[in-house]
C-alpha atoms as a PDB file:
ATOM      1  CA  UNK A   1     114.964  24.361  78.642  1.00  0.00           C
ATOM      2  CA  UNK A   2     116.968  24.960  74.965  1.00  0.00           C
ATOM      3  CA  UNK A   3     120.225  25.141  76.641  1.00  0.00           C
ATOM      4  CA  UNK A   4     123.033  23.406  76.982  1.00  0.00           C
ATOM      5  CA  UNK A   5     125.715  21.287  75.434  1.00  0.00           C
ATOM      6  CA  UNK A   6     124.671  20.020  71.773  1.00  0.00           C
ATOM      7  CA  UNK A   7     128.171  18.623  69.995  1.00  0.00           C
ATOM      8  CA  UNK A   8     127.363  14.382  69.109  1.00  0.00           C
ATOM      9  CA  UNK A   9     130.433  12.761  70.481  1.00  0.00           C
ATOM     10  CA  UNK A  10     131.365   9.216  71.181  1.00  0.00           C
ATOM     11  CA  UNK A  11     129.826   7.757  68.863  1.00  0.00           C
ATOM     12  CA  UNK A  12     131.696   4.626  69.749  1.00  0.00           C
ATOM     13  CA  UNK A  13     129.922   4.554  73.508  1.00  0.00           C
ATOM     14  CA  UNK A  14     126.125   4.542  72.005  1.00  0.00           C
ATOM     15  CA  UNK A  15     125.412   0.954  73.533  1.00  0.00           C
ATOM     16  CA  UNK A  16     127.373   1.634  76.458  1.00  0.00           C
ATOM     17  CA  UNK A  17     125.385   4.737  77.432  1.00  0.00           C
ATOM     18  CA  UNK A  18     121.881   3.293  75.837  1.00  0.00           C
ATOM     19  CA  UNK A  19     122.910  -0.121  78.807  1.00  0.00           C
ATOM     20  CA  UNK A  20     123.584   2.979  81.102  1.00  0.00           C
ATOM     21  CA  UNK A  21     120.504   5.012  80.969  1.00  0.00           C
ATOM     22  CA  UNK A  22     117.844   1.981  80.758  1.00  0.00           C
ATOM     23  CA  UNK A  23     119.847   0.555  84.007  1.00  0.00           C
ATOM     24  CA  UNK A  24     119.136   4.258  85.059  1.00  0.00           C
ATOM     25  CA  UNK A  25     115.448   4.490  84.051  1.00  0.00           C
ATOM     26  CA  UNK A  26     114.580   0.889  85.557  1.00  0.00           C
ATOM     27  CA  UNK A  27     116.346   1.377  88.931  1.00  0.00           C
ATOM     28  CA  UNK A  28     115.825   4.779  89.999  1.00  0.00           C
ATOM     29  CA  UNK A  29     112.642   6.095  87.932  1.00  0.00           C
ATOM     30  CA  UNK A  30     110.519   2.608  87.928  1.00  0.00           C
ATOM     31  CA  UNK A  31     111.538   0.432  90.610  1.00  0.00           C
ATOM     32  CA  UNK A  32     112.079   4.248  92.909  1.00  0.00           C
ATOM     33  CA  UNK A  33     115.378   3.723  94.682  1.00  0.00           C
ATOM     34  CA  UNK A  34     116.768   7.063  94.704  1.00  0.00           C
ATOM     35  CA  UNK A  35     119.298   6.363  97.253  1.00  0.00           C
ATOM     36  CA  UNK A  36     121.229   5.249  94.546  1.00  0.00           C
ATOM     37  CA  UNK A  37     120.564   7.995  92.397  1.00  0.00           C
ATOM     38  CA  UNK A  38     124.232   9.791  93.073  1.00  0.00           C
ATOM     39  CA  UNK A  39     125.986   6.788  91.268  1.00  0.00           C
ATOM     40  CA  UNK A  40     124.648   8.033  87.988  1.00  0.00           C
ATOM     41  CA  UNK A  41     125.305  11.652  87.873  1.00  0.00           C
ATOM     42  CA  UNK A  42     128.791  13.684  87.586  1.00  0.00           C
ATOM     43  CA  UNK A  43     127.020  15.794  90.805  1.00  0.00           C
ATOM     44  CA  UNK A  44     130.176  18.605  90.296  1.00  0.00           C
ATOM     45  CA  UNK A  45     129.316  19.452  86.503  1.00  0.00           C
ATOM     46  CA  UNK A  46     125.766  18.564  86.156  1.00  0.00           C
ATOM     47  CA  UNK A  47     123.097  20.871  84.142  1.00  0.00           C
ATOM     48  CA  UNK A  48     119.580  20.222  84.921  1.00  0.00           C
ATOM     49  CA  UNK A  49     117.028  21.687  81.809  1.00  0.00           C
ATOM     50  CA  UNK A  50     113.771  20.744  83.416  1.00  0.00           C
ATOM     51  CA  UNK A  51     111.947  23.697  84.770  1.00  0.00           C
ATOM     52  CA  UNK A  52     110.319  21.655  87.231  1.00  0.00           C
ATOM     53  CA  UNK A  53     113.849  20.565  89.086  1.00  0.00           C
ATOM     54  CA  UNK A  54     116.889  22.607  89.716  1.00  0.00           C
ATOM     55  CA  UNK A  55     120.527  21.230  89.436  1.00  0.00           C
ATOM     56  CA  UNK A  56     121.064  19.507  93.381  1.00  0.00           C
ATOM     57  CA  UNK A  57     119.661  16.154  92.566  1.00  0.00           C
ATOM     58  CA  UNK A  58     118.245  15.949  96.054  1.00  0.00           C
ATOM     59  CA  UNK A  59     115.353  17.921  94.684  1.00  0.00           C
ATOM     60  CA  UNK A  60     115.124  14.923  92.421  1.00  0.00           C
ATOM     61  CA  UNK A  61     115.276  12.310  94.649  1.00  0.00           C
ATOM     62  CA  UNK A  62     112.639  14.477  96.737  1.00  0.00           C
ATOM     63  CA  UNK A  63     110.243  14.051  94.318  1.00  0.00           C
ATOM     64  CA  UNK A  64     110.461  10.213  93.419  1.00  0.00           C
ATOM     65  CA  UNK A  65     109.686   9.894  97.209  1.00  0.00           C
ATOM     66  CA  UNK A  66     107.425  12.310  97.667  1.00  0.00           C
ATOM     67  CA  UNK A  67     103.450  11.093  98.287  1.00  0.00           C
ATOM     68  CA  UNK A  68     100.283  12.677  97.899  1.00  0.00           C
ATOM     69  CA  UNK A  69      97.284  12.213 100.062  1.00  0.00           C
ATOM     70  CA  UNK A  70      95.983   8.805  98.862  1.00  0.00           C
ATOM     71  CA  UNK A  71      99.476   7.603  99.518  1.00  0.00           C
ATOM     72  CA  UNK A  72     100.383   7.517  95.462  1.00  0.00           C
ATOM     73  CA  UNK A  73     104.129   8.893  94.175  1.00  0.00           C
ATOM     74  CA  UNK A  74     104.041  12.317  93.245  1.00  0.00           C
ATOM     75  CA  UNK A  75     106.027  11.219  90.005  1.00  0.00           C
ATOM     76  CA  UNK A  76     105.560   7.550  88.848  1.00  0.00           C
ATOM     77  CA  UNK A  77     107.223   6.175  86.174  1.00  0.00           C
ATOM     78  CA  UNK A  78     105.965   2.752  85.272  1.00  0.00           C
ATOM     79  CA  UNK A  79     106.576   1.840  81.627  1.00  0.00           C
ATOM     80  CA  UNK A  80     110.125   2.062  80.248  1.00  0.00           C
ATOM     81  CA  UNK A  81     108.607   2.068  76.263  1.00  0.00           C
ATOM     82  CA  UNK A  82     111.827   3.070  74.053  1.00  0.00           C
ATOM     83  CA  UNK A  83     115.027   3.798  74.419  1.00  0.00           C
ATOM     84  CA  UNK A  84     116.850   5.847  71.424  1.00  0.00           C
ATOM     85  CA  UNK A  85     120.720   6.930  71.169  1.00  0.00           C
ATOM     86  CA  UNK A  86     123.435   8.118  69.648  1.00  0.00           C
ATOM     87  CA  UNK A  87     126.840   8.953  71.174  1.00  0.00           C
ATOM     88  CA  UNK A  88     126.804  11.162  74.345  1.00  0.00           C
ATOM     89  CA  UNK A  89     123.091  11.648  74.012  1.00  0.00           C
ATOM     90  CA  UNK A  90     120.584   8.973  75.020  1.00  0.00           C
ATOM     91  CA  UNK A  91     116.682   9.950  74.788  1.00  0.00           C
ATOM     92  CA  UNK A  92     113.743   7.698  76.897  1.00  0.00           C
ATOM     93  CA  UNK A  93     110.123   7.910  76.243  1.00  0.00           C
ATOM     94  CA  UNK A  94     108.418   6.523  79.189  1.00  0.00           C
ATOM     95  CA  UNK A  95     104.927   6.346  80.839  1.00  0.00           C
ATOM     96  CA  UNK A  96     103.447   7.171  83.774  1.00  0.00           C
ATOM     97  CA  UNK A  97     101.713   9.167  86.374  1.00  0.00           C
ATOM     98  CA  UNK A  98     102.800  12.967  87.478  1.00  0.00           C
ATOM     99  CA  UNK A  99     100.146  15.022  89.948  1.00  0.00           C
ATOM    100  CA  UNK A 100      98.006  12.163  89.426  1.00  0.00           C
ATOM    101  CA  UNK A 101      97.455  12.361  85.750  1.00  0.00           C
ATOM    102  CA  UNK A 102      98.572   9.989  83.370  1.00  0.00           C
ATOM    103  CA  UNK A 103     101.557  11.261  81.419  1.00  0.00           C
ATOM    104  CA  UNK A 104     104.202  10.225  78.736  1.00  0.00           C
ATOM    105  CA  UNK A 105     108.108  11.220  79.708  1.00  0.00           C
ATOM    106  CA  UNK A 106     110.567  11.918  77.347  1.00  0.00           C
ATOM    107  CA  UNK A 107     113.899  12.389  78.711  1.00  0.00           C
ATOM    108  CA  UNK A 108     117.002  13.349  77.485  1.00  0.00           C
ATOM    109  CA  UNK A 109     120.263  12.950  78.578  1.00  0.00           C
ATOM    110  CA  UNK A 110     123.707  13.729  77.676  1.00  0.00           C
ATOM    111  CA  UNK A 111     126.309  11.710  78.513  1.00  0.00           C
ATOM    112  CA  UNK A 112     130.618  12.298  79.990  1.00  0.00           C
ATOM    113  CA  UNK A 113     132.625   9.846  81.316  1.00  0.00           C
ATOM    114  CA  UNK A 114     130.024   7.203  82.061  1.00  0.00           C
ATOM    115  CA  UNK A 115     127.872  10.018  83.794  1.00  0.00           C
ATOM    116  CA  UNK A 116     124.807  11.977  83.309  1.00  0.00           C
ATOM    117  CA  UNK A 117     126.118  15.361  83.060  1.00  0.00           C
ATOM    118  CA  UNK A 118     123.010  17.335  81.718  1.00  0.00           C
ATOM    119  CA  UNK A 119     119.190  16.367  81.743  1.00  0.00           C
ATOM    120  CA  UNK A 120     116.076  18.124  79.393  1.00  0.00           C
ATOM    121  CA  UNK A 121     112.323  16.853  79.389  1.00  0.00           C
ATOM    122  CA  UNK A 122     109.195  17.263  78.263  1.00  0.00           C
ATOM    123  CA  UNK A 123     106.034  16.022  80.140  1.00  0.00           C
ATOM    124  CA  UNK A 124     102.608  15.464  77.813  1.00  0.00           C
ATOM    125  CA  UNK A 125      99.378  14.462  79.387  1.00  0.00           C
ATOM    126  CA  UNK A 126      98.211  10.808  77.937  1.00  0.00           C
ATOM    127  CA  UNK A 127      94.269  11.319  77.021  1.00  0.00           C
ATOM    128  CA  UNK A 128      91.976   9.254  77.576  1.00  0.00           C
ATOM    129  CA  UNK A 129      91.144   6.988  74.823  1.00  0.00           C
ATOM    130  CA  UNK A 130      88.339   8.015  73.706  1.00  0.00           C
ATOM    131  CA  UNK A 131      89.560  10.985  73.221  1.00  0.00           C
ATOM    132  CA  UNK A 132      92.071  10.060  70.306  1.00  0.00           C
ATOM    133  CA  UNK A 133      92.729  11.573  67.255  1.00  0.00           C
ATOM    134  CA  UNK A 134      94.004   8.420  65.817  1.00  0.00           C
ATOM    135  CA  UNK A 135      94.948   5.411  67.023  1.00  0.00           C
ATOM    136  CA  UNK A 136      98.779   6.074  67.099  1.00  0.00           C
ATOM    137  CA  UNK A 137      99.334   7.131  70.644  1.00  0.00           C
ATOM    138  CA  UNK A 138     102.290   8.832  72.238  1.00  0.00           C
ATOM    139  CA  UNK A 139     104.878   5.711  71.675  1.00  0.00           C
END
């Protein structure tokens, strides 16, 4: 989860990369349209760093299309809270559900030639508000 390229490049593309990833998050992850997934990725050079996924985009597409016995999506991005970007790196902060648990999704993307070439993520459970130690939350 900690390997991959770290060189910051394309500072002039910060805003276009931010817009590109915002479109990906909204269209693919929130609106759940995995059939459009390949248009966002460099399918030849893509590297996935999540321990739950492989470099094969069909696995991500399947994960977004899988439902549990209650007809609820296994992975469900609901709210896109924030996008931070600098050059070829874009970080999104989203809220949703994974395996029925309320979670925060933090996804870091590296772009090259207007396509996603690397992805890292971390997913953290969001406890019930009564269990919070402060009022800051995850976002």
